[in-house]
Amino acid sequence: MGEIADMMLEGLLDEETGEYIGDKNLEKYGSEAPGFPISYQREARETEDKLRKLGNSKIKCPICNKQVAAVGLTQHRRDKGH
């Protein structure tokens, strides 16, 4: 295989977008390349879908305790850097 495909299989690149995710992996798994394909894009999309099912109800951000719309929690966390 090519270098890009190998990097996706090792987990250095997002398997859907091809974006470098080694830094995120280091925080989450303790290694830049955990040894298996990962897609943070898919995880974010699935989380948003679950939150969308909750409707417009307000929930607390688990990090800063700010009240945000359930569907906007992912965007709030991305914007605030947590």
PDB file of N, CA and C in Angstrom:
ATOM      1  N   MET A   1       0.835  -1.187   0.000  1.00  0.00           N
ATOM      2  CA  MET A   1       0.000   0.000   0.000  1.00  0.00           C
ATOM      3  C   MET A   1       0.874   1.241   0.000  1.00  0.00           C
ATOM      4  N   GLY A   2       0.228   2.368  -0.193  1.00  0.00           N
ATOM      5  CA  GLY A   2       0.940   3.629  -0.178  1.00  0.00           C
ATOM      6  C   GLY A   2       1.110   4.166   1.236  1.00  0.00           C
ATOM      7  N   GLU A   3       1.883   5.207   1.338  1.00  0.00           N
ATOM      8  CA  GLU A   3       2.157   5.795   2.650  1.00  0.00           C
ATOM      9  C   GLU A   3       0.895   6.342   3.317  1.00  0.00           C
ATOM     10  N   ILE A   4       0.035   6.979   2.523  1.00  0.00           N
ATOM     11  CA  ILE A   4      -1.182   7.570   3.092  1.00  0.00           C
ATOM     12  C   ILE A   4      -2.095   6.480   3.639  1.00  0.00           C
ATOM     13  N   ALA A   5      -2.275   5.410   2.879  1.00  0.00           N
ATOM     14  CA  ALA A   5      -3.127   4.307   3.344  1.00  0.00           C
ATOM     15  C   ALA A   5      -2.555   3.688   4.618  1.00  0.00           C
ATOM     16  N   ASP A   6      -1.245   3.508   4.667  1.00  0.00           N
ATOM     17  CA  ASP A   6      -0.615   2.951   5.873  1.00  0.00           C
ATOM     18  C   ASP A   6      -0.829   3.868   7.071  1.00  0.00           C
ATOM     19  N   MET A   7      -0.717   5.187   6.850  1.00  0.00           N
ATOM     20  CA  MET A   7      -0.909   6.137   7.950  1.00  0.00           C
ATOM     21  C   MET A   7      -2.350   6.107   8.449  1.00  0.00           C
ATOM     22  N   MET A   8      -3.319   5.888   7.536  1.00  0.00           N
ATOM     23  CA  MET A   8      -4.718   5.786   7.954  1.00  0.00           C
ATOM     24  C   MET A   8      -4.946   4.520   8.769  1.00  0.00           C
ATOM     25  N   LEU A   9      -4.336   3.418   8.343  1.00  0.00           N
ATOM     26  CA  LEU A   9      -4.496   2.162   9.073  1.00  0.00           C
ATOM     27  C   LEU A   9      -3.826   2.209  10.438  1.00  0.00           C
ATOM     28  N   GLU A  10      -2.740   2.968  10.555  1.00  0.00           N
ATOM     29  CA  GLU A  10      -2.057   3.110  11.846  1.00  0.00           C
ATOM     30  C   GLU A  10      -2.787   4.068  12.774  1.00  0.00           C
ATOM     31  N   GLY A  11      -3.640   4.921  12.215  1.00  0.00           N
ATOM     32  CA  GLY A  11      -4.386   5.876  13.018  1.00  0.00           C
ATOM     33  C   GLY A  11      -3.778   7.267  13.053  1.00  0.00           C
ATOM     34  N   LEU A  12      -2.757   7.538  12.235  1.00  0.00           N
ATOM     35  CA  LEU A  12      -2.166   8.882  12.186  1.00  0.00           C
ATOM     36  C   LEU A  12      -3.030   9.867  11.414  1.00  0.00           C
ATOM     37  N   LEU A  13      -3.771   9.357  10.425  1.00  0.00           N
ATOM     38  CA  LEU A  13      -4.662  10.196   9.627  1.00  0.00           C
ATOM     39  C   LEU A  13      -6.096   9.733   9.834  1.00  0.00           C
ATOM     40  N   ASP A  14      -7.037  10.684   9.870  1.00  0.00           N
ATOM     41  CA  ASP A  14      -8.458  10.369   9.970  1.00  0.00           C
ATOM     42  C   ASP A  14      -8.835   9.516   8.765  1.00  0.00           C
ATOM     43  N   GLU A  15      -9.496   8.389   8.989  1.00  0.00           N
ATOM     44  CA  GLU A  15      -9.788   7.476   7.891  1.00  0.00           C
ATOM     45  C   GLU A  15     -10.832   8.018   6.918  1.00  0.00           C
ATOM     46  N   GLU A  16     -11.620   9.019   7.306  1.00  0.00           N
ATOM     47  CA  GLU A  16     -12.609   9.589   6.401  1.00  0.00           C
ATOM     48  C   GLU A  16     -12.115  10.846   5.705  1.00  0.00           C
ATOM     49  N   THR A  17     -11.414  11.710   6.432  1.00  0.00           N
ATOM     50  CA  THR A  17     -11.017  12.995   5.863  1.00  0.00           C
ATOM     51  C   THR A  17      -9.556  13.047   5.436  1.00  0.00           C
ATOM     52  N   GLY A  18      -8.720  12.165   5.961  1.00  0.00           N
ATOM     53  CA  GLY A  18      -7.300  12.200   5.651  1.00  0.00           C
ATOM     54  C   GLY A  18      -6.540  13.244   6.451  1.00  0.00           C
ATOM     55  N   GLU A  19      -7.210  13.888   7.389  1.00  0.00           N
ATOM     56  CA  GLU A  19      -6.600  14.920   8.229  1.00  0.00           C
ATOM     57  C   GLU A  19      -5.667  14.287   9.258  1.00  0.00           C
ATOM     58  N   TYR A  20      -4.542  14.974   9.555  1.00  0.00           N
ATOM     59  CA  TYR A  20      -3.612  14.500  10.573  1.00  0.00           C
ATOM     60  C   TYR A  20      -4.287  14.599  11.944  1.00  0.00           C
ATOM     61  N   ILE A  21      -4.319  13.491  12.678  1.00  0.00           N
ATOM     62  CA  ILE A  21      -4.970  13.476  13.992  1.00  0.00           C
ATOM     63  C   ILE A  21      -4.044  12.941  15.075  1.00  0.00           C
ATOM     64  N   GLY A  22      -2.754  12.917  14.804  1.00  0.00           N
ATOM     65  CA  GLY A  22      -1.793  12.390  15.779  1.00  0.00           C
ATOM     66  C   GLY A  22      -1.848  13.101  17.116  1.00  0.00           C
ATOM     67  N   ASP A  23      -2.049  14.429  17.110  1.00  0.00           N
ATOM     68  CA  ASP A  23      -2.115  15.183  18.360  1.00  0.00           C
ATOM     69  C   ASP A  23      -3.343  14.791  19.185  1.00  0.00           C
ATOM     70  N   LYS A  24      -4.486  14.619  18.521  1.00  0.00           N
ATOM     71  CA  LYS A  24      -5.697  14.208  19.230  1.00  0.00           C
ATOM     72  C   LYS A  24      -5.531  12.806  19.802  1.00  0.00           C
ATOM     73  N   ASN A  25      -4.887  11.928  19.011  1.00  0.00           N
ATOM     74  CA  ASN A  25      -4.647  10.562  19.487  1.00  0.00           C
ATOM     75  C   ASN A  25      -3.741  10.553  20.700  1.00  0.00           C
ATOM     76  N   LEU A  26      -2.727  11.405  20.682  1.00  0.00           N
ATOM     77  CA  LEU A  26      -1.787  11.477  21.794  1.00  0.00           C
ATOM     78  C   LEU A  26      -2.516  11.831  23.085  1.00  0.00           C
ATOM     79  N   GLU A  27      -3.461  12.766  22.998  1.00  0.00           N
ATOM     80  CA  GLU A  27      -4.250  13.150  24.175  1.00  0.00           C
ATOM     81  C   GLU A  27      -5.175  12.015  24.616  1.00  0.00           C
ATOM     82  N   LYS A  28      -5.811  11.351  23.647  1.00  0.00           N
ATOM     83  CA  LYS A  28      -6.822  10.350  23.972  1.00  0.00           C
ATOM     84  C   LYS A  28      -6.230   8.973  24.298  1.00  0.00           C
ATOM     85  N   TYR A  29      -5.226   8.549  23.521  1.00  0.00           N
ATOM     86  CA  TYR A  29      -4.691   7.191  23.659  1.00  0.00           C
ATOM     87  C   TYR A  29      -3.274   7.132  24.227  1.00  0.00           C
ATOM     88  N   GLY A  30      -2.590   8.279  24.302  1.00  0.00           N
ATOM     89  CA  GLY A  30      -1.220   8.282  24.804  1.00  0.00           C
ATOM     90  C   GLY A  30      -0.186   7.961  23.747  1.00  0.00           C
ATOM     91  N   SER A  31      -0.618   7.843  22.503  1.00  0.00           N
ATOM     92  CA  SER A  31       0.272   7.560  21.384  1.00  0.00           C
ATOM     93  C   SER A  31      -0.271   8.247  20.142  1.00  0.00           C
ATOM     94  N   GLU A  32       0.620   8.755  19.294  1.00  0.00           N
ATOM     95  CA  GLU A  32       0.148   9.406  18.066  1.00  0.00           C
ATOM     96  C   GLU A  32      -0.504   8.412  17.122  1.00  0.00           C
ATOM     97  N   ALA A  33      -0.012   7.190  17.088  1.00  0.00           N
ATOM     98  CA  ALA A  33      -0.548   6.153  16.215  1.00  0.00           C
ATOM     99  C   ALA A  33      -0.960   4.955  17.062  1.00  0.00           C
ATOM    100  N   PRO A  34      -2.241   4.869  17.438  1.00  0.00           N
ATOM    101  CA  PRO A  34      -2.680   3.788  18.319  1.00  0.00           C
ATOM    102  C   PRO A  34      -2.701   2.410  17.658  1.00  0.00           C
ATOM    103  N   GLY A  35      -2.562   2.353  16.323  1.00  0.00           N
ATOM    104  CA  GLY A  35      -2.493   1.060  15.653  1.00  0.00           C
ATOM    105  C   GLY A  35      -3.795   0.579  15.061  1.00  0.00           C
ATOM    106  N   PHE A  36      -4.791   1.450  14.980  1.00  0.00           N
ATOM    107  CA  PHE A  36      -6.054   1.069  14.357  1.00  0.00           C
ATOM    108  C   PHE A  36      -6.680   2.306  13.724  1.00  0.00           C
ATOM    109  N   PRO A  37      -7.488   2.122  12.674  1.00  0.00           N
ATOM    110  CA  PRO A  37      -8.104   3.270  11.991  1.00  0.00           C
ATOM    111  C   PRO A  37      -9.073   4.013  12.900  1.00  0.00           C
ATOM    112  N   ILE A  38      -9.039   5.342  12.818  1.00  0.00           N
ATOM    113  CA  ILE A  38      -9.881   6.202  13.648  1.00  0.00           C
ATOM    114  C   ILE A  38     -10.501   7.287  12.781  1.00  0.00           C
ATOM    115  N   SER A  39     -11.721   7.684  13.116  1.00  0.00           N
ATOM    116  CA  SER A  39     -12.344   8.817  12.446  1.00  0.00           C
ATOM    117  C   SER A  39     -13.030   9.691  13.483  1.00  0.00           C
ATOM    118  N   TYR A  40     -12.391  10.809  13.806  1.00  0.00           N
ATOM    119  CA  TYR A  40     -13.009  11.762  14.718  1.00  0.00           C
ATOM    120  C   TYR A  40     -14.170  12.473  14.043  1.00  0.00           C
ATOM    121  N   GLN A  41     -14.134  12.555  12.717  1.00  0.00           N
ATOM    122  CA  GLN A  41     -15.231  13.141  11.955  1.00  0.00           C
ATOM    123  C   GLN A  41     -16.505  12.325  12.187  1.00  0.00           C
ATOM    124  N   ARG A  42     -16.386  11.011  12.097  1.00  0.00           N
ATOM    125  CA  ARG A  42     -17.545  10.139  12.301  1.00  0.00           C
ATOM    126  C   ARG A  42     -18.044  10.230  13.738  1.00  0.00           C
ATOM    127  N   GLU A  43     -17.115  10.245  14.710  1.00  0.00           N
ATOM    128  CA  GLU A  43     -17.507  10.339  16.120  1.00  0.00           C
ATOM    129  C   GLU A  43     -18.289  11.622  16.375  1.00  0.00           C
ATOM    130  N   ALA A  44     -17.826  12.734  15.818  1.00  0.00           N
ATOM    131  CA  ALA A  44     -18.513  14.013  16.007  1.00  0.00           C
ATOM    132  C   ALA A  44     -19.893  13.982  15.365  1.00  0.00           C
ATOM    133  N   ARG A  45     -19.977  13.374  14.181  1.00  0.00           N
ATOM    134  CA  ARG A  45     -21.259  13.300  13.478  1.00  0.00           C
ATOM    135  C   ARG A  45     -22.248  12.440  14.264  1.00  0.00           C
ATOM    136  N   GLU A  46     -21.790  11.317  14.798  1.00  0.00           N
ATOM    137  CA  GLU A  46     -22.677  10.444  15.575  1.00  0.00           C
ATOM    138  C   GLU A  46     -23.132  11.126  16.860  1.00  0.00           C
ATOM    139  N   THR A  47     -22.245  11.861  17.506  1.00  0.00           N
ATOM    140  CA  THR A  47     -22.598  12.590  18.717  1.00  0.00           C
ATOM    141  C   THR A  47     -23.637  13.662  18.402  1.00  0.00           C
ATOM    142  N   GLU A  48     -23.425  14.380  17.293  1.00  0.00           N
ATOM    143  CA  GLU A  48     -24.394  15.409  16.904  1.00  0.00           C
ATOM    144  C   GLU A  48     -25.748  14.805  16.603  1.00  0.00           C
ATOM    145  N   ASP A  49     -25.768  13.643  15.936  1.00  0.00           N
ATOM    146  CA  ASP A  49     -27.039  12.982  15.630  1.00  0.00           C
ATOM    147  C   ASP A  49     -27.784  12.614  16.910  1.00  0.00           C
ATOM    148  N   LYS A  50     -27.061  12.108  17.901  1.00  0.00           N
ATOM    149  CA  LYS A  50     -27.691  11.754  19.180  1.00  0.00           C
ATOM    150  C   LYS A  50     -28.253  13.003  19.859  1.00  0.00           C
ATOM    151  N   LEU A  51     -27.488  14.081  19.830  1.00  0.00           N
ATOM    152  CA  LEU A  51     -27.935  15.314  20.471  1.00  0.00           C
ATOM    153  C   LEU A  51     -29.119  15.928  19.729  1.00  0.00           C
ATOM    154  N   ARG A  52     -29.130  15.792  18.414  1.00  0.00           N
ATOM    155  CA  ARG A  52     -30.230  16.339  17.622  1.00  0.00           C
ATOM    156  C   ARG A  52     -31.549  15.658  17.993  1.00  0.00           C
ATOM    157  N   LYS A  53     -31.456  14.369  18.342  1.00  0.00           N
ATOM    158  CA  LYS A  53     -32.655  13.636  18.746  1.00  0.00           C
ATOM    159  C   LYS A  53     -33.232  14.168  20.047  1.00  0.00           C
ATOM    160  N   LEU A  54     -32.386  14.804  20.860  1.00  0.00           N
ATOM    161  CA  LEU A  54     -32.854  15.381  22.118  1.00  0.00           C
ATOM    162  C   LEU A  54     -33.674  16.651  21.901  1.00  0.00           C
ATOM    163  N   GLY A  55     -33.593  17.207  20.711  1.00  0.00           N
ATOM    164  CA  GLY A  55     -34.330  18.424  20.414  1.00  0.00           C
ATOM    165  C   GLY A  55     -33.575  19.655  20.861  1.00  0.00           C
ATOM    166  N   ASN A  56     -34.298  20.711  21.166  1.00  0.00           N
ATOM    167  CA  ASN A  56     -33.679  21.975  21.553  1.00  0.00           C
ATOM    168  C   ASN A  56     -33.520  22.114  23.058  1.00  0.00           C
ATOM    169  N   SER A  57     -33.544  21.024  23.766  1.00  0.00           N
ATOM    170  CA  SER A  57     -33.408  21.113  25.208  1.00  0.00           C
ATOM    171  C   SER A  57     -32.018  21.613  25.587  1.00  0.00           C
ATOM    172  N   LYS A  58     -31.939  22.287  26.710  1.00  0.00           N
ATOM    173  CA  LYS A  58     -30.673  22.827  27.190  1.00  0.00           C
ATOM    174  C   LYS A  58     -30.014  21.806  28.114  1.00  0.00           C
ATOM    175  N   ILE A  59     -28.708  21.685  27.962  1.00  0.00           N
ATOM    176  CA  ILE A  59     -27.936  20.816  28.840  1.00  0.00           C
ATOM    177  C   ILE A  59     -26.697  21.578  29.289  1.00  0.00           C
ATOM    178  N   LYS A  60     -26.061  21.091  30.341  1.00  0.00           N
ATOM    179  CA  LYS A  60     -24.841  21.727  30.836  1.00  0.00           C
ATOM    180  C   LYS A  60     -23.641  21.138  30.121  1.00  0.00           C
ATOM    181  N   CYS A  61     -22.701  22.004  29.761  1.00  0.00           N
ATOM    182  CA  CYS A  61     -21.424  21.543  29.227  1.00  0.00           C
ATOM    183  C   CYS A  61     -20.714  20.807  30.362  1.00  0.00           C
ATOM    184  N   PRO A  62     -20.225  19.586  30.119  1.00  0.00           N
ATOM    185  CA  PRO A  62     -19.588  18.833  31.199  1.00  0.00           C
ATOM    186  C   PRO A  62     -18.280  19.446  31.687  1.00  0.00           C
ATOM    187  N   ILE A  63     -17.724  20.394  30.939  1.00  0.00           N
ATOM    188  CA  ILE A  63     -16.446  20.984  31.327  1.00  0.00           C
ATOM    189  C   ILE A  63     -16.620  22.332  32.013  1.00  0.00           C
ATOM    190  N   CYS A  64     -17.415  23.241  31.406  1.00  0.00           N
ATOM    191  CA  CYS A  64     -17.533  24.581  31.986  1.00  0.00           C
ATOM    192  C   CYS A  64     -18.896  24.836  32.635  1.00  0.00           C
ATOM    193  N   ASN A  65     -19.813  23.863  32.572  1.00  0.00           N
ATOM    194  CA  ASN A  65     -21.155  23.948  33.175  1.00  0.00           C
ATOM    195  C   ASN A  65     -22.045  25.035  32.578  1.00  0.00           C
ATOM    196  N   LYS A  66     -21.698  25.570  31.416  1.00  0.00           N
ATOM    197  CA  LYS A  66     -22.551  26.559  30.759  1.00  0.00           C
ATOM    198  C   LYS A  66     -23.743  25.847  30.129  1.00  0.00           C
ATOM    199  N   GLN A  67     -24.909  26.473  30.215  1.00  0.00           N
ATOM    200  CA  GLN A  67     -26.116  25.923  29.604  1.00  0.00           C
ATOM    201  C   GLN A  67     -26.054  26.175  28.099  1.00  0.00           C
ATOM    202  N   VAL A  68     -26.121  25.105  27.317  1.00  0.00           N
ATOM    203  CA  VAL A  68     -26.123  25.223  25.856  1.00  0.00           C
ATOM    204  C   VAL A  68     -27.201  24.315  25.295  1.00  0.00           C
ATOM    205  N   ALA A  69     -27.623  24.613  24.081  1.00  0.00           N
ATOM    206  CA  ALA A  69     -28.583  23.738  23.421  1.00  0.00           C
ATOM    207  C   ALA A  69     -27.917  22.392  23.174  1.00  0.00           C
ATOM    208  N   ALA A  70     -28.674  21.324  23.336  1.00  0.00           N
ATOM    209  CA  ALA A  70     -28.110  19.983  23.178  1.00  0.00           C
ATOM    210  C   ALA A  70     -27.485  19.808  21.797  1.00  0.00           C
ATOM    211  N   VAL A  71     -28.112  20.374  20.771  1.00  0.00           N
ATOM    212  CA  VAL A  71     -27.574  20.215  19.422  1.00  0.00           C
ATOM    213  C   VAL A  71     -26.314  21.039  19.204  1.00  0.00           C
ATOM    214  N   GLY A  72     -26.036  22.014  20.062  1.00  0.00           N
ATOM    215  CA  GLY A  72     -24.873  22.864  19.885  1.00  0.00           C
ATOM    216  C   GLY A  72     -23.701  22.525  20.793  1.00  0.00           C
ATOM    217  N   LEU A  73     -23.804  21.443  21.558  1.00  0.00           N
ATOM    218  CA  LEU A  73     -22.734  21.102  22.497  1.00  0.00           C
ATOM    219  C   LEU A  73     -21.414  20.827  21.785  1.00  0.00           C
ATOM    220  N   THR A  74     -21.459  20.104  20.677  1.00  0.00           N
ATOM    221  CA  THR A  74     -20.228  19.796  19.944  1.00  0.00           C
ATOM    222  C   THR A  74     -19.560  21.073  19.454  1.00  0.00           C
ATOM    223  N   GLN A  75     -20.349  21.992  18.918  1.00  0.00           N
ATOM    224  CA  GLN A  75     -19.793  23.260  18.438  1.00  0.00           C
ATOM    225  C   GLN A  75     -19.261  24.089  19.590  1.00  0.00           C
ATOM    226  N   HIS A  76     -19.963  24.111  20.712  1.00  0.00           N
ATOM    227  CA  HIS A  76     -19.519  24.859  21.889  1.00  0.00           C
ATOM    228  C   HIS A  76     -18.162  24.341  22.360  1.00  0.00           C
ATOM    229  N   ARG A  77     -18.034  23.022  22.459  1.00  0.00           N
ATOM    230  CA  ARG A  77     -16.778  22.435  22.932  1.00  0.00           C
ATOM    231  C   ARG A  77     -15.641  22.720  21.952  1.00  0.00           C
ATOM    232  N   ARG A  78     -15.948  22.683  20.654  1.00  0.00           N
ATOM    233  CA  ARG A  78     -14.924  22.975  19.651  1.00  0.00           C
ATOM    234  C   ARG A  78     -14.502  24.446  19.740  1.00  0.00           C
ATOM    235  N   ASP A  79     -15.465  25.351  19.862  1.00  0.00           N
ATOM    236  CA  ASP A  79     -15.173  26.780  19.917  1.00  0.00           C
ATOM    237  C   ASP A  79     -14.396  27.170  21.171  1.00  0.00           C
ATOM    238  N   LYS A  80     -14.717  26.531  22.296  1.00  0.00           N
ATOM    239  CA  LYS A  80     -14.054  26.860  23.560  1.00  0.00           C
ATOM    240  C   LYS A  80     -12.751  26.093  23.766  1.00  0.00           C
ATOM    241  N   GLY A  81     -12.477  25.134  22.885  1.00  0.00           N
ATOM    242  CA  GLY A  81     -11.233  24.385  22.979  1.00  0.00           C
ATOM    243  C   GLY A  81     -11.242  23.278  24.016  1.00  0.00           C
ATOM    244  N   HIS A  82     -12.415  22.753  24.326  1.00  0.00           N
ATOM    245  CA  HIS A  82     -12.465  21.617  25.242  1.00  0.00           C
ATOM    246  C   HIS A  82     -13.448  20.577  24.783  1.00  0.00           C
TER     247      HIS A  82
END
